PDB file of N, CA and C in Angstrom:
ATOM      1  N   UNK A   1     -13.286 -36.259 151.008  1.00  0.00           N
ATOM      2  CA  UNK A   1     -12.150 -35.420 151.010  1.00  0.00           C
ATOM      3  C   UNK A   1     -11.809 -34.996 149.655  1.00  0.00           C
ATOM      4  N   UNK A   2     -11.266 -33.734 149.604  1.00  0.00           N
ATOM      5  CA  UNK A   2     -11.024 -32.955 148.240  1.00  0.00           C
ATOM      6  C   UNK A   2      -9.517 -33.300 147.831  1.00  0.00           C
ATOM      7  N   UNK A   3      -9.551 -33.313 146.532  1.00  0.00           N
ATOM      8  CA  UNK A   3      -8.170 -33.343 145.927  1.00  0.00           C
ATOM      9  C   UNK A   3      -7.642 -31.943 145.440  1.00  0.00           C
ATOM     10  N   UNK A   4      -6.580 -31.265 146.059  1.00  0.00           N
ATOM     11  CA  UNK A   4      -6.171 -30.117 145.408  1.00  0.00           C
ATOM     12  C   UNK A   4      -4.996 -30.157 144.752  1.00  0.00           C
ATOM     13  N   UNK A   5      -5.010 -29.503 143.643  1.00  0.00           N
ATOM     14  CA  UNK A   5      -3.981 -29.672 142.563  1.00  0.00           C
ATOM     15  C   UNK A   5      -3.376 -28.117 142.422  1.00  0.00           C
ATOM     16  N   UNK A   6      -2.095 -28.197 142.918  1.00  0.00           N
ATOM     17  CA  UNK A   6      -1.361 -26.762 142.764  1.00  0.00           C
ATOM     18  C   UNK A   6      -0.235 -26.946 141.828  1.00  0.00           C
ATOM     19  N   UNK A   7       0.269 -25.724 141.372  1.00  0.00           N
ATOM     20  CA  UNK A   7       1.314 -25.531 140.721  1.00  0.00           C
ATOM     21  C   UNK A   7       2.663 -25.398 141.573  1.00  0.00           C
ATOM     22  N   UNK A   8       3.801 -26.109 140.981  1.00  0.00           N
ATOM     23  CA  UNK A   8       4.920 -25.824 141.750  1.00  0.00           C
ATOM     24  C   UNK A   8       6.013 -25.451 140.756  1.00  0.00           C
ATOM     25  N   UNK A   9       6.667 -24.266 141.051  1.00  0.00           N
ATOM     26  CA  UNK A   9       7.588 -23.682 140.219  1.00  0.00           C
ATOM     27  C   UNK A   9       9.028 -23.870 141.020  1.00  0.00           C
ATOM     28  N   UNK A  10       9.833 -24.239 140.403  1.00  0.00           N
ATOM     29  CA  UNK A  10      11.307 -24.544 141.296  1.00  0.00           C
ATOM     30  C   UNK A  10      12.417 -23.918 140.417  1.00  0.00           C
ATOM     31  N   UNK A  11      13.373 -23.210 141.118  1.00  0.00           N
ATOM     32  CA  UNK A  11      14.465 -22.645 140.482  1.00  0.00           C
ATOM     33  C   UNK A  11      15.666 -22.721 141.195  1.00  0.00           C
ATOM     34  N   UNK A  12      16.898 -22.510 140.548  1.00  0.00           N
ATOM     35  CA  UNK A  12      18.082 -22.793 141.259  1.00  0.00           C
ATOM     36  C   UNK A  12      18.621 -21.579 141.701  1.00  0.00           C
ATOM     37  N   UNK A  13      18.953 -21.396 142.984  1.00  0.00           N
ATOM     38  CA  UNK A  13      19.738 -20.259 143.340  1.00  0.00           C
ATOM     39  C   UNK A  13      21.250 -20.690 144.010  1.00  0.00           C
ATOM     40  N   UNK A  14      21.872 -19.808 144.275  1.00  0.00           N
ATOM     41  CA  UNK A  14      23.448 -20.050 144.764  1.00  0.00           C
ATOM     42  C   UNK A  14      23.671 -21.255 145.739  1.00  0.00           C
ATOM     43  N   UNK A  15      22.521 -21.325 146.514  1.00  0.00           N
ATOM     44  CA  UNK A  15      22.763 -22.251 147.670  1.00  0.00           C
ATOM     45  C   UNK A  15      21.469 -23.235 147.704  1.00  0.00           C
ATOM     46  N   UNK A  16      21.078 -23.860 146.658  1.00  0.00           N
ATOM     47  CA  UNK A  16      19.981 -24.884 146.788  1.00  0.00           C
ATOM     48  C   UNK A  16      19.011 -24.317 145.738  1.00  0.00           C
ATOM     49  N   UNK A  17      17.690 -24.839 146.034  1.00  0.00           N
ATOM     50  CA  UNK A  17      16.635 -24.826 145.105  1.00  0.00           C
ATOM     51  C   UNK A  17      15.558 -23.991 145.941  1.00  0.00           C
ATOM     52  N   UNK A  18      14.591 -23.282 145.259  1.00  0.00           N
ATOM     53  CA  UNK A  18      13.414 -22.643 145.737  1.00  0.00           C
ATOM     54  C   UNK A  18      12.361 -23.251 145.180  1.00  0.00           C
ATOM     55  N   UNK A  19      11.258 -23.433 145.813  1.00  0.00           N
ATOM     56  CA  UNK A  19      10.009 -23.910 145.157  1.00  0.00           C
ATOM     57  C   UNK A  19       8.971 -23.199 145.655  1.00  0.00           C
ATOM     58  N   UNK A  20       7.897 -22.810 144.824  1.00  0.00           N
ATOM     59  CA  UNK A  20       6.996 -22.006 145.076  1.00  0.00           C
ATOM     60  C   UNK A  20       5.545 -22.394 144.551  1.00  0.00           C
ATOM     61  N   UNK A  21       4.678 -22.254 145.103  1.00  0.00           N
ATOM     62  CA  UNK A  21       3.126 -22.421 144.632  1.00  0.00           C
ATOM     63  C   UNK A  21       2.682 -21.173 144.434  1.00  0.00           C
ATOM     64  N   UNK A  22       2.452 -20.565 143.217  1.00  0.00           N
ATOM     65  CA  UNK A  22       2.030 -19.303 143.036  1.00  0.00           C
ATOM     66  C   UNK A  22       0.507 -19.192 143.304  1.00  0.00           C
ATOM     67  N   UNK A  23      -0.276 -20.279 143.483  1.00  0.00           N
ATOM     68  CA  UNK A  23      -1.776 -19.916 143.861  1.00  0.00           C
ATOM     69  C   UNK A  23      -1.879 -19.570 145.201  1.00  0.00           C
ATOM     70  N   UNK A  24      -1.056 -20.001 145.872  1.00  0.00           N
ATOM     71  CA  UNK A  24      -1.081 -19.555 147.590  1.00  0.00           C
ATOM     72  C   UNK A  24      -0.056 -18.612 147.919  1.00  0.00           C
ATOM     73  N   UNK A  25       0.893 -18.369 147.150  1.00  0.00           N
ATOM     74  CA  UNK A  25       2.056 -17.581 147.504  1.00  0.00           C
ATOM     75  C   UNK A  25       2.966 -18.354 148.676  1.00  0.00           C
ATOM     76  N   UNK A  26       2.784 -19.643 148.571  1.00  0.00           N
ATOM     77  CA  UNK A  26       3.717 -20.530 149.725  1.00  0.00           C
ATOM     78  C   UNK A  26       5.099 -20.670 148.875  1.00  0.00           C
ATOM     79  N   UNK A  27       6.056 -20.673 149.793  1.00  0.00           N
ATOM     80  CA  UNK A  27       7.325 -21.069 149.241  1.00  0.00           C
ATOM     81  C   UNK A  27       8.016 -22.016 150.197  1.00  0.00           C
ATOM     82  N   UNK A  28       9.011 -22.562 149.670  1.00  0.00           N
ATOM     83  CA  UNK A  28      10.172 -23.444 150.461  1.00  0.00           C
ATOM     84  C   UNK A  28      11.248 -23.456 149.755  1.00  0.00           C
ATOM     85  N   UNK A  29      12.175 -24.369 150.225  1.00  0.00           N
ATOM     86  CA  UNK A  29      13.440 -24.554 149.563  1.00  0.00           C
ATOM     87  C   UNK A  29      13.972 -26.024 150.046  1.00  0.00           C
ATOM     88  N   UNK A  30      15.050 -26.301 149.389  1.00  0.00           N
ATOM     89  CA  UNK A  30      15.761 -27.595 149.597  1.00  0.00           C
ATOM     90  C   UNK A  30      17.389 -27.534 148.996  1.00  0.00           C
ATOM     91  N   UNK A  31      17.933 -28.623 149.388  1.00  0.00           N
ATOM     92  CA  UNK A  31      19.337 -28.712 148.627  1.00  0.00           C
ATOM     93  C   UNK A  31      19.036 -29.372 147.348  1.00  0.00           C
ATOM     94  N   UNK A  32      18.121 -30.095 147.020  1.00  0.00           N
ATOM     95  CA  UNK A  32      17.832 -30.530 145.721  1.00  0.00           C
ATOM     96  C   UNK A  32      16.427 -30.387 145.117  1.00  0.00           C
ATOM     97  N   UNK A  33      16.164 -30.489 144.054  1.00  0.00           N
ATOM     98  CA  UNK A  33      14.892 -30.161 143.431  1.00  0.00           C
ATOM     99  C   UNK A  33      13.948 -31.018 144.056  1.00  0.00           C
ATOM    100  N   UNK A  34      14.135 -32.317 144.397  1.00  0.00           N
ATOM    101  CA  UNK A  34      13.234 -33.262 145.011  1.00  0.00           C
ATOM    102  C   UNK A  34      13.109 -32.812 146.453  1.00  0.00           C
ATOM    103  N   UNK A  35      13.881 -32.603 147.161  1.00  0.00           N
ATOM    104  CA  UNK A  35      13.694 -31.920 148.664  1.00  0.00           C
ATOM    105  C   UNK A  35      12.870 -30.672 148.538  1.00  0.00           C
ATOM    106  N   UNK A  36      13.142 -29.704 147.638  1.00  0.00           N
ATOM    107  CA  UNK A  36      12.485 -28.299 147.569  1.00  0.00           C
ATOM    108  C   UNK A  36      11.043 -28.818 147.284  1.00  0.00           C
ATOM    109  N   UNK A  37      10.737 -29.907 146.322  1.00  0.00           N
ATOM    110  CA  UNK A  37       9.493 -30.139 146.052  1.00  0.00           C
ATOM    111  C   UNK A  37       8.616 -30.787 147.313  1.00  0.00           C
ATOM    112  N   UNK A  38       9.299 -31.603 147.933  1.00  0.00           N
ATOM    113  CA  UNK A  38       8.746 -32.260 149.276  1.00  0.00           C
ATOM    114  C   UNK A  38       8.537 -31.208 150.207  1.00  0.00           C
ATOM    115  N   UNK A  39       9.569 -30.281 150.397  1.00  0.00           N
ATOM    116  CA  UNK A  39       9.226 -29.302 151.332  1.00  0.00           C
ATOM    117  C   UNK A  39       8.059 -28.362 151.123  1.00  0.00           C
ATOM    118  N   UNK A  40       7.897 -28.177 149.855  1.00  0.00           N
ATOM    119  CA  UNK A  40       6.681 -27.195 149.397  1.00  0.00           C
ATOM    120  C   UNK A  40       5.462 -28.018 149.574  1.00  0.00           C
ATOM    121  N   UNK A  41       5.362 -29.388 149.272  1.00  0.00           N
ATOM    122  CA  UNK A  41       4.372 -30.103 149.530  1.00  0.00           C
ATOM    123  C   UNK A  41       3.813 -30.061 150.916  1.00  0.00           C
ATOM    124  N   UNK A  42       4.756 -30.300 152.021  1.00  0.00           N
ATOM    125  CA  UNK A  42       4.463 -30.091 153.409  1.00  0.00           C
ATOM    126  C   UNK A  42       4.058 -28.514 153.616  1.00  0.00           C
ATOM    127  N   UNK A  43       4.871 -27.521 153.043  1.00  0.00           N
ATOM    128  CA  UNK A  43       4.349 -26.204 153.445  1.00  0.00           C
ATOM    129  C   UNK A  43       2.860 -25.820 152.849  1.00  0.00           C
ATOM    130  N   UNK A  44       2.412 -26.487 151.837  1.00  0.00           N
ATOM    131  CA  UNK A  44       1.136 -26.291 151.110  1.00  0.00           C
ATOM    132  C   UNK A  44       0.110 -26.880 152.124  1.00  0.00           C
ATOM    133  N   UNK A  45       0.500 -28.215 152.519  1.00  0.00           N
ATOM    134  CA  UNK A  45      -0.431 -28.879 153.328  1.00  0.00           C
ATOM    135  C   UNK A  45      -0.675 -28.233 154.777  1.00  0.00           C
ATOM    136  N   UNK A  46       0.312 -27.508 155.184  1.00  0.00           N
ATOM    137  CA  UNK A  46       0.122 -26.811 156.475  1.00  0.00           C
ATOM    138  C   UNK A  46      -0.635 -25.457 156.256  1.00  0.00           C
ATOM    139  N   UNK A  47      -0.328 -24.972 155.253  1.00  0.00           N
ATOM    140  CA  UNK A  47      -1.184 -23.661 154.628  1.00  0.00           C
ATOM    141  C   UNK A  47      -2.674 -23.997 154.642  1.00  0.00           C
ATOM    142  N   UNK A  48      -2.987 -25.139 153.888  1.00  0.00           N
ATOM    143  CA  UNK A  48      -4.318 -25.429 153.773  1.00  0.00           C
ATOM    144  C   UNK A  48      -4.987 -25.964 155.148  1.00  0.00           C
ATOM    145  N   UNK A  49      -4.257 -26.536 156.017  1.00  0.00           N
ATOM    146  CA  UNK A  49      -4.743 -27.008 157.344  1.00  0.00           C
ATOM    147  C   UNK A  49      -5.159 -25.705 158.036  1.00  0.00           C
ATOM    148  N   UNK A  50      -4.260 -24.633 157.978  1.00  0.00           N
ATOM    149  CA  UNK A  50      -4.614 -23.413 158.683  1.00  0.00           C
ATOM    150  C   UNK A  50      -5.689 -22.744 158.015  1.00  0.00           C
ATOM    151  N   UNK A  51      -5.655 -22.784 156.615  1.00  0.00           N
ATOM    152  CA  UNK A  51      -6.879 -22.073 155.861  1.00  0.00           C
ATOM    153  C   UNK A  51      -8.227 -22.628 156.364  1.00  0.00           C
ATOM    154  N   UNK A  52      -8.323 -23.703 156.427  1.00  0.00           N
ATOM    155  CA  UNK A  52      -9.447 -24.569 156.927  1.00  0.00           C
ATOM    156  C   UNK A  52      -9.651 -24.104 158.253  1.00  0.00           C
ATOM    157  N   UNK A  53      -8.792 -24.121 159.218  1.00  0.00           N
ATOM    158  CA  UNK A  53      -9.117 -23.873 160.721  1.00  0.00           C
ATOM    159  C   UNK A  53      -9.662 -22.380 160.779  1.00  0.00           C
ATOM    160  N   UNK A  54      -9.216 -21.676 159.889  1.00  0.00           N
ATOM    161  CA  UNK A  54      -9.601 -20.124 159.872  1.00  0.00           C
ATOM    162  C   UNK A  54     -10.824 -19.820 159.044  1.00  0.00           C
ATOM    163  N   UNK A  55     -11.353 -20.828 158.411  1.00  0.00           N
ATOM    164  CA  UNK A  55     -12.508 -20.678 157.758  1.00  0.00           C
ATOM    165  C   UNK A  55     -12.366 -19.875 156.219  1.00  0.00           C
ATOM    166  N   UNK A  56     -11.003 -20.196 155.789  1.00  0.00           N
ATOM    167  CA  UNK A  56     -10.762 -19.289 154.560  1.00  0.00           C
ATOM    168  C   UNK A  56     -10.438 -20.307 153.425  1.00  0.00           C
ATOM    169  N   UNK A  57     -10.632 -21.622 153.578  1.00  0.00           N
ATOM    170  CA  UNK A  57     -10.475 -22.602 152.443  1.00  0.00           C
ATOM    171  C   UNK A  57     -11.193 -22.196 151.127  1.00  0.00           C
ATOM    172  N   UNK A  58     -12.351 -21.786 151.562  1.00  0.00           N
ATOM    173  CA  UNK A  58     -13.129 -21.556 150.210  1.00  0.00           C
ATOM    174  C   UNK A  58     -12.603 -20.203 149.363  1.00  0.00           C
ATOM    175  N   UNK A  59     -11.731 -19.376 149.994  1.00  0.00           N
ATOM    176  CA  UNK A  59     -11.165 -18.448 149.236  1.00  0.00           C
ATOM    177  C   UNK A  59     -10.135 -18.961 148.142  1.00  0.00           C
ATOM    178  N   UNK A  60      -9.475 -20.111 148.479  1.00  0.00           N
ATOM    179  CA  UNK A  60      -8.575 -20.633 147.618  1.00  0.00           C
ATOM    180  C   UNK A  60      -8.868 -21.885 146.742  1.00  0.00           C
ATOM    181  N   UNK A  61      -9.978 -22.405 147.189  1.00  0.00           N
ATOM    182  CA  UNK A  61     -10.174 -23.559 146.729  1.00  0.00           C
ATOM    183  C   UNK A  61     -10.474 -23.715 145.087  1.00  0.00           C
ATOM    184  N   UNK A  62     -11.025 -22.624 144.570  1.00  0.00           N
ATOM    185  CA  UNK A  62     -11.268 -22.856 143.137  1.00  0.00           C
ATOM    186  C   UNK A  62      -9.826 -22.779 142.416  1.00  0.00           C
ATOM    187  N   UNK A  63      -8.930 -22.125 142.753  1.00  0.00           N
ATOM    188  CA  UNK A  63      -7.447 -22.090 142.178  1.00  0.00           C
ATOM    189  C   UNK A  63      -6.731 -23.352 142.448  1.00  0.00           C
ATOM    190  N   UNK A  64      -7.236 -24.213 143.421  1.00  0.00           N
ATOM    191  CA  UNK A  64      -6.712 -25.424 143.667  1.00  0.00           C
ATOM    192  C   UNK A  64      -7.363 -26.655 143.032  1.00  0.00           C
ATOM    193  N   UNK A  65      -8.526 -26.411 142.454  1.00  0.00           N
ATOM    194  CA  UNK A  65      -9.363 -27.480 141.975  1.00  0.00           C
ATOM    195  C   UNK A  65      -9.501 -27.446 140.599  1.00  0.00           C
ATOM    196  N   UNK A  66      -9.295 -26.222 139.895  1.00  0.00           N
ATOM    197  CA  UNK A  66      -9.465 -26.130 138.450  1.00  0.00           C
ATOM    198  C   UNK A  66      -8.376 -27.022 137.814  1.00  0.00           C
ATOM    199  N   UNK A  67      -8.977 -27.731 136.654  1.00  0.00           N
ATOM    200  CA  UNK A  67      -7.791 -28.535 135.714  1.00  0.00           C
ATOM    201  C   UNK A  67      -7.428 -27.805 134.666  1.00  0.00           C
ATOM    202  N   UNK A  68      -7.769 -26.531 134.625  1.00  0.00           N
ATOM    203  CA  UNK A  68      -7.343 -25.693 133.447  1.00  0.00           C
ATOM    204  C   UNK A  68      -6.339 -24.660 133.992  1.00  0.00           C
ATOM    205  N   UNK A  69      -5.099 -24.916 133.942  1.00  0.00           N
ATOM    206  CA  UNK A  69      -4.095 -24.152 134.213  1.00  0.00           C
ATOM    207  C   UNK A  69      -2.961 -24.146 133.347  1.00  0.00           C
ATOM    208  N   UNK A  70      -2.270 -22.853 133.012  1.00  0.00           N
ATOM    209  CA  UNK A  70      -1.391 -22.552 132.250  1.00  0.00           C
ATOM    210  C   UNK A  70      -0.270 -22.007 132.808  1.00  0.00           C
ATOM    211  N   UNK A  71       0.944 -22.467 132.361  1.00  0.00           N
ATOM    212  CA  UNK A  71       2.357 -21.584 132.858  1.00  0.00           C
ATOM    213  C   UNK A  71       3.170 -21.344 131.482  1.00  0.00           C
ATOM    214  N   UNK A  72       3.844 -20.559 131.598  1.00  0.00           N
ATOM    215  CA  UNK A  72       4.707 -20.097 130.453  1.00  0.00           C
ATOM    216  C   UNK A  72       6.037 -19.367 131.026  1.00  0.00           C
ATOM    217  N   UNK A  73       6.914 -19.408 130.180  1.00  0.00           N
ATOM    218  CA  UNK A  73       8.196 -18.539 130.560  1.00  0.00           C
ATOM    219  C   UNK A  73       8.280 -17.568 129.667  1.00  0.00           C
ATOM    220  N   UNK A  74       8.175 -16.320 130.194  1.00  0.00           N
ATOM    221  CA  UNK A  74       8.189 -14.974 129.535  1.00  0.00           C
ATOM    222  C   UNK A  74       9.401 -14.438 129.807  1.00  0.00           C
ATOM    223  N   UNK A  75      10.146 -13.672 128.569  1.00  0.00           N
ATOM    224  CA  UNK A  75      11.378 -13.069 128.677  1.00  0.00           C
ATOM    225  C   UNK A  75      11.221 -11.698 128.593  1.00  0.00           C
ATOM    226  N   UNK A  76      11.788 -10.785 129.466  1.00  0.00           N
ATOM    227  CA  UNK A  76      11.734  -9.270 129.228  1.00  0.00           C
ATOM    228  C   UNK A  76      13.160  -8.782 129.089  1.00  0.00           C
ATOM    229  N   UNK A  77      13.456  -8.200 128.094  1.00  0.00           N
ATOM    230  CA  UNK A  77      14.844  -7.380 127.726  1.00  0.00           C
ATOM    231  C   UNK A  77      14.787  -5.914 128.267  1.00  0.00           C
ATOM    232  N   UNK A  78      15.686  -5.644 129.012  1.00  0.00           N
ATOM    233  CA  UNK A  78      15.872  -4.308 129.443  1.00  0.00           C
ATOM    234  C   UNK A  78      17.182  -3.782 128.798  1.00  0.00           C
TER     235      UNK A  78
END
C-alpha cells in the first residue's frame, strides 16, 4: 500500500469554505474548515480509486509521493 501526500488549500467564501488539491485539480467544500478538509479527503480518495481503475495512477503518483513541496502566497497589484 502506498501513502499519498497531497496539498490541501482552503479558503473562505460567502457561504462556507472551499478546499482544493492543486496536484489533482480536485475540489470540495464544507460549512467549516474541518468539514471542507474531510470532504476533500473523500474526493481525493475517490479520484485515486478511479485513476487506478482507469490505469492512470502512474500519471499522478510522483506529485503525490514527493516529500519536496512548496507553497506560497503571492500578491498581484492591479
